[in-house]
Amino acid sequence: MALQQLEHADDHMQECIDNCLEAAQVCEWCADACAGEGEDMARCIRLCRDVADIASLHARFMARNSGYHQELGELCADLCEECAEECEQHDHEHCQACAEVLPKCAESCREMASS
């Protein structure tokens, strides 16, 4: 059964799931690419890895309609915002991709946290 077919996943939840999965993917790419950029990228790597883990976990919590997805959504939004701010400071393509994707994820996670 595709996620779009889950009875509990309305359009807002499905959009948030999609945004979280996209954020997890771009952050995994960014963290891996930053590992080859030198020591000054350590904070970026850590934040990207945190976002990748929390965003994918948040997507899974929403998919199974966990009663804790709202709390996790707030944390995911906070991490996405902090990571986007860090990535904005770097000119690398992978960092700029994170800086572009993460605000959308943060916004949808905040909406889910407040619903």
N, C-alpha and C. Protein backbone atom coordinates (compact mmCIF):
# COMPACT_ATOMS: atom_id res chain seq x y z
N MET A 1 0.85 -1.17 0.00
CA MET A 1 0.00 0.00 0.00
C MET A 1 0.89 1.24 0.00
N ALA A 2 0.68 2.13 -0.92
CA ALA A 2 1.44 3.37 -0.99
C ALA A 2 1.03 4.30 0.15
N LEU A 3 1.96 5.17 0.54
CA LEU A 3 1.65 6.09 1.63
C LEU A 3 0.44 6.97 1.32
N GLN A 4 0.23 7.29 0.06
CA GLN A 4 -0.90 8.13 -0.31
C GLN A 4 -2.21 7.43 0.00
N GLN A 5 -2.21 6.13 0.19
CA GLN A 5 -3.42 5.38 0.44
C GLN A 5 -3.72 5.21 1.92
N LEU A 6 -2.85 5.65 2.79
CA LEU A 6 -3.10 5.54 4.22
C LEU A 6 -4.27 6.44 4.59
N GLU A 7 -5.24 5.88 5.27
CA GLU A 7 -6.45 6.62 5.61
C GLU A 7 -6.16 7.84 6.50
N HIS A 8 -5.21 7.71 7.39
CA HIS A 8 -4.94 8.81 8.33
C HIS A 8 -4.07 9.91 7.74
N ALA A 9 -3.45 9.67 6.59
CA ALA A 9 -2.52 10.64 6.02
C ALA A 9 -3.26 11.59 5.07
N ASP A 10 -3.66 12.74 5.61
CA ASP A 10 -4.29 13.75 4.75
C ASP A 10 -3.22 14.43 3.91
N ASP A 11 -3.62 15.39 3.09
CA ASP A 11 -2.67 16.05 2.19
C ASP A 11 -1.53 16.72 2.94
N HIS A 12 -1.81 17.33 4.09
CA HIS A 12 -0.76 18.01 4.87
C HIS A 12 0.24 17.01 5.43
N MET A 13 -0.26 15.90 5.94
CA MET A 13 0.65 14.89 6.48
C MET A 13 1.47 14.26 5.36
N GLN A 14 0.85 13.97 4.23
CA GLN A 14 1.59 13.38 3.12
C GLN A 14 2.68 14.34 2.63
N GLU A 15 2.36 15.63 2.56
CA GLU A 15 3.36 16.62 2.16
C GLU A 15 4.51 16.65 3.16
N CYS A 16 4.21 16.57 4.44
CA CYS A 16 5.25 16.58 5.46
C CYS A 16 6.11 15.32 5.36
N ILE A 17 5.50 14.17 5.14
CA ILE A 17 6.26 12.93 4.96
C ILE A 17 7.21 13.09 3.78
N ASP A 18 6.69 13.58 2.66
CA ASP A 18 7.53 13.78 1.48
C ASP A 18 8.67 14.75 1.75
N ASN A 19 8.37 15.85 2.44
CA ASN A 19 9.41 16.85 2.77
C ASN A 19 10.46 16.27 3.70
N CYS A 20 10.04 15.46 4.66
CA CYS A 20 11.00 14.83 5.57
C CYS A 20 11.91 13.86 4.83
N LEU A 21 11.35 13.08 3.95
CA LEU A 21 12.17 12.13 3.20
C LEU A 21 13.15 12.84 2.27
N GLU A 22 12.70 13.94 1.66
CA GLU A 22 13.61 14.73 0.82
C GLU A 22 14.72 15.35 1.66
N ALA A 23 14.36 15.87 2.84
CA ALA A 23 15.37 16.46 3.74
C ALA A 23 16.38 15.41 4.17
N ALA A 24 15.92 14.22 4.49
CA ALA A 24 16.83 13.15 4.90
C ALA A 24 17.81 12.82 3.77
N GLN A 25 17.31 12.75 2.56
CA GLN A 25 18.17 12.42 1.42
C GLN A 25 19.21 13.51 1.16
N VAL A 26 18.78 14.76 1.13
CA VAL A 26 19.72 15.83 0.83
C VAL A 26 20.75 15.99 1.95
N CYS A 27 20.33 15.75 3.18
CA CYS A 27 21.27 15.86 4.30
C CYS A 27 22.28 14.71 4.30
N GLU A 28 21.86 13.52 3.92
CA GLU A 28 22.82 12.41 3.80
C GLU A 28 23.85 12.73 2.74
N TRP A 29 23.40 13.25 1.59
CA TRP A 29 24.31 13.65 0.52
C TRP A 29 25.27 14.73 1.01
N CYS A 30 24.73 15.75 1.69
CA CYS A 30 25.54 16.86 2.15
C CYS A 30 26.58 16.40 3.18
N ALA A 31 26.16 15.60 4.14
CA ALA A 31 27.10 15.13 5.16
C ALA A 31 28.23 14.32 4.54
N ASP A 32 27.89 13.48 3.59
CA ASP A 32 28.91 12.67 2.93
C ASP A 32 29.87 13.54 2.13
N ALA A 33 29.32 14.49 1.39
CA ALA A 33 30.17 15.38 0.59
C ALA A 33 31.02 16.28 1.47
N CYS A 34 30.46 16.76 2.58
CA CYS A 34 31.21 17.63 3.49
C CYS A 34 32.38 16.91 4.13
N ALA A 35 32.28 15.60 4.27
CA ALA A 35 33.36 14.83 4.89
C ALA A 35 34.66 14.97 4.08
N GLY A 36 34.55 15.25 2.81
CA GLY A 36 35.72 15.44 1.98
C GLY A 36 36.16 16.88 1.86
N GLU A 37 35.48 17.79 2.54
CA GLU A 37 35.76 19.22 2.41
C GLU A 37 36.72 19.77 3.47
N GLY A 38 37.05 19.00 4.49
CA GLY A 38 37.99 19.47 5.50
C GLY A 38 37.35 19.61 6.87
N GLU A 39 38.18 19.91 7.87
CA GLU A 39 37.73 19.95 9.26
C GLU A 39 36.74 21.06 9.56
N ASP A 40 36.75 22.15 8.82
CA ASP A 40 35.86 23.26 9.12
C ASP A 40 34.39 22.92 8.81
N MET A 41 34.14 21.72 8.33
CA MET A 41 32.78 21.30 7.99
C MET A 41 32.15 20.40 9.05
N ALA A 42 32.81 20.24 10.18
CA ALA A 42 32.35 19.30 11.21
C ALA A 42 30.94 19.63 11.70
N ARG A 43 30.65 20.90 11.95
CA ARG A 43 29.32 21.28 12.44
C ARG A 43 28.25 20.99 11.39
N CYS A 44 28.55 21.27 10.15
CA CYS A 44 27.63 21.00 9.06
C CYS A 44 27.34 19.50 8.97
N ILE A 45 28.36 18.70 9.07
CA ILE A 45 28.20 17.25 9.00
C ILE A 45 27.31 16.76 10.14
N ARG A 46 27.59 17.22 11.35
CA ARG A 46 26.80 16.78 12.51
C ARG A 46 25.34 17.15 12.36
N LEU A 47 25.07 18.40 11.98
CA LEU A 47 23.69 18.85 11.84
C LEU A 47 22.97 18.09 10.72
N CYS A 48 23.65 17.89 9.61
CA CYS A 48 23.03 17.14 8.52
C CYS A 48 22.71 15.71 8.93
N ARG A 49 23.60 15.09 9.65
CA ARG A 49 23.35 13.72 10.12
C ARG A 49 22.17 13.70 11.09
N ASP A 50 22.10 14.70 11.98
CA ASP A 50 20.97 14.78 12.92
C ASP A 50 19.65 14.95 12.17
N VAL A 51 19.64 15.85 11.19
CA VAL A 51 18.41 16.07 10.42
C VAL A 51 18.02 14.81 9.68
N ALA A 52 18.98 14.16 9.04
CA ALA A 52 18.66 12.94 8.29
C ALA A 52 18.01 11.90 9.19
N ASP A 53 18.54 11.74 10.39
CA ASP A 53 17.97 10.75 11.32
C ASP A 53 16.59 11.17 11.81
N ILE A 54 16.46 12.40 12.27
CA ILE A 54 15.19 12.85 12.83
C ILE A 54 14.11 12.96 11.76
N ALA A 55 14.46 13.47 10.58
CA ALA A 55 13.47 13.62 9.51
C ALA A 55 12.95 12.26 9.05
N SER A 56 13.83 11.29 8.91
CA SER A 56 13.35 9.96 8.50
C SER A 56 12.53 9.32 9.60
N LEU A 57 12.90 9.52 10.85
CA LEU A 57 12.12 9.00 11.96
C LEU A 57 10.74 9.68 12.02
N HIS A 58 10.71 10.99 11.82
CA HIS A 58 9.44 11.71 11.83
C HIS A 58 8.53 11.20 10.72
N ALA A 59 9.07 10.95 9.53
CA ALA A 59 8.27 10.41 8.43
C ALA A 59 7.69 9.05 8.82
N ARG A 60 8.49 8.22 9.45
CA ARG A 60 8.01 6.89 9.86
C ARG A 60 6.94 7.00 10.93
N PHE A 61 7.11 7.94 11.89
CA PHE A 61 6.10 8.13 12.93
C PHE A 61 4.77 8.58 12.32
N MET A 62 4.83 9.48 11.35
CA MET A 62 3.60 9.92 10.70
C MET A 62 2.96 8.78 9.91
N ALA A 63 3.77 7.99 9.21
CA ALA A 63 3.25 6.89 8.40
C ALA A 63 2.50 5.88 9.25
N ARG A 64 2.97 5.67 10.48
CA ARG A 64 2.28 4.71 11.34
C ARG A 64 1.30 5.38 12.30
N ASN A 65 1.09 6.68 12.11
CA ASN A 65 0.13 7.45 12.90
C ASN A 65 0.46 7.40 14.40
N SER A 66 1.73 7.51 14.70
CA SER A 66 2.18 7.51 16.10
C SER A 66 1.62 8.71 16.84
N GLY A 67 1.26 8.51 18.06
CA GLY A 67 0.79 9.60 18.91
C GLY A 67 1.88 10.58 19.29
N TYR A 68 3.11 10.28 18.93
CA TYR A 68 4.25 11.14 19.28
C TYR A 68 4.80 11.92 18.09
N HIS A 69 4.16 11.84 16.95
CA HIS A 69 4.71 12.50 15.77
C HIS A 69 4.70 14.02 15.92
N GLN A 70 3.78 14.57 16.67
CA GLN A 70 3.75 16.03 16.82
C GLN A 70 4.97 16.54 17.59
N GLU A 71 5.32 15.88 18.67
CA GLU A 71 6.50 16.27 19.44
C GLU A 71 7.76 16.14 18.60
N LEU A 72 7.85 15.07 17.85
CA LEU A 72 9.01 14.85 17.00
C LEU A 72 9.05 15.88 15.86
N GLY A 73 7.88 16.30 15.40
CA GLY A 73 7.81 17.33 14.36
C GLY A 73 8.41 18.64 14.79
N GLU A 74 8.20 19.01 16.04
CA GLU A 74 8.77 20.26 16.56
C GLU A 74 10.30 20.17 16.59
N LEU A 75 10.83 19.06 17.05
CA LEU A 75 12.28 18.85 17.07
C LEU A 75 12.84 18.85 15.65
N CYS A 76 12.15 18.19 14.75
CA CYS A 76 12.61 18.13 13.36
C CYS A 76 12.65 19.53 12.76
N ALA A 77 11.63 20.34 13.01
CA ALA A 77 11.60 21.71 12.50
C ALA A 77 12.78 22.52 13.04
N ASP A 78 13.04 22.41 14.34
CA ASP A 78 14.16 23.14 14.95
C ASP A 78 15.49 22.75 14.30
N LEU A 79 15.70 21.45 14.14
CA LEU A 79 16.95 20.97 13.54
C LEU A 79 17.08 21.40 12.09
N CYS A 80 15.98 21.34 11.35
CA CYS A 80 16.03 21.76 9.94
C CYS A 80 16.42 23.24 9.83
N GLU A 81 15.86 24.07 10.69
CA GLU A 81 16.18 25.50 10.65
C GLU A 81 17.64 25.75 11.00
N GLU A 82 18.13 25.08 12.03
CA GLU A 82 19.53 25.27 12.43
C GLU A 82 20.48 24.77 11.35
N CYS A 83 20.17 23.63 10.76
CA CYS A 83 21.02 23.07 9.71
C CYS A 83 20.99 23.96 8.47
N ALA A 84 19.82 24.48 8.11
CA ALA A 84 19.73 25.37 6.94
C ALA A 84 20.59 26.61 7.15
N GLU A 85 20.57 27.17 8.35
CA GLU A 85 21.39 28.34 8.64
C GLU A 85 22.87 28.02 8.49
N GLU A 86 23.28 26.86 8.97
CA GLU A 86 24.69 26.44 8.84
C GLU A 86 25.04 26.24 7.37
N CYS A 87 24.22 25.52 6.65
CA CYS A 87 24.51 25.22 5.24
C CYS A 87 24.53 26.47 4.37
N GLU A 88 23.73 27.47 4.70
CA GLU A 88 23.72 28.72 3.94
C GLU A 88 25.08 29.40 3.94
N GLN A 89 25.89 29.12 4.95
CA GLN A 89 27.19 29.77 5.09
C GLN A 89 28.25 29.18 4.17
N HIS A 90 27.95 28.07 3.51
CA HIS A 90 28.93 27.38 2.68
C HIS A 90 28.50 27.43 1.21
N ASP A 91 29.47 27.60 0.34
CA ASP A 91 29.18 27.74 -1.09
C ASP A 91 29.06 26.42 -1.84
N HIS A 92 29.30 25.31 -1.19
CA HIS A 92 29.24 24.02 -1.85
C HIS A 92 27.82 23.73 -2.36
N GLU A 93 27.74 23.07 -3.50
CA GLU A 93 26.43 22.75 -4.10
C GLU A 93 25.56 21.96 -3.13
N HIS A 94 26.14 20.99 -2.45
CA HIS A 94 25.38 20.15 -1.53
C HIS A 94 24.86 20.96 -0.34
N CYS A 95 25.64 21.90 0.14
CA CYS A 95 25.18 22.76 1.25
C CYS A 95 24.05 23.68 0.80
N GLN A 96 24.19 24.22 -0.38
CA GLN A 96 23.15 25.10 -0.90
C GLN A 96 21.86 24.33 -1.16
N ALA A 97 21.97 23.07 -1.57
CA ALA A 97 20.77 22.24 -1.74
C ALA A 97 20.06 22.04 -0.41
N CYS A 98 20.83 21.80 0.65
CA CYS A 98 20.24 21.68 1.99
C CYS A 98 19.54 22.97 2.39
N ALA A 99 20.24 24.07 2.21
CA ALA A 99 19.69 25.37 2.60
C ALA A 99 18.38 25.67 1.86
N GLU A 100 18.22 25.10 0.68
CA GLU A 100 16.99 25.32 -0.10
C GLU A 100 15.86 24.39 0.34
N VAL A 101 16.17 23.14 0.64
CA VAL A 101 15.16 22.13 0.95
C VAL A 101 14.67 22.22 2.40
N LEU A 102 15.56 22.48 3.33
CA LEU A 102 15.23 22.36 4.75
C LEU A 102 14.18 23.34 5.26
N PRO A 103 14.12 24.58 4.79
CA PRO A 103 13.05 25.46 5.30
C PRO A 103 11.64 24.95 4.98
N LYS A 104 11.47 24.33 3.84
CA LYS A 104 10.17 23.76 3.47
C LYS A 104 9.82 22.62 4.43
N CYS A 105 10.80 21.80 4.76
CA CYS A 105 10.58 20.71 5.70
C CYS A 105 10.24 21.26 7.08
N ALA A 106 10.98 22.27 7.52
CA ALA A 106 10.71 22.87 8.83
C ALA A 106 9.30 23.41 8.90
N GLU A 107 8.87 24.09 7.85
CA GLU A 107 7.53 24.67 7.84
C GLU A 107 6.45 23.58 7.93
N SER A 108 6.58 22.53 7.15
CA SER A 108 5.55 21.48 7.20
C SER A 108 5.59 20.72 8.52
N CYS A 109 6.78 20.55 9.09
CA CYS A 109 6.87 19.89 10.40
C CYS A 109 6.22 20.74 11.49
N ARG A 110 6.40 22.04 11.44
CA ARG A 110 5.74 22.93 12.42
C ARG A 110 4.23 22.85 12.28
N GLU A 111 3.75 22.80 11.04
CA GLU A 111 2.31 22.66 10.82
C GLU A 111 1.80 21.35 11.43
N MET A 112 2.53 20.27 11.24
CA MET A 112 2.12 18.98 11.79
C MET A 112 2.20 19.00 13.31
N ALA A 113 3.18 19.68 13.85
CA ALA A 113 3.33 19.74 15.32
C ALA A 113 2.19 20.51 15.96
N SER A 114 1.62 21.45 15.24
CA SER A 114 0.55 22.27 15.81
C SER A 114 -0.83 21.74 15.48
N SER A 115 -0.92 20.64 14.72
CA SER A 115 -2.25 20.13 14.34
C SER A 115 -2.79 19.14 15.36
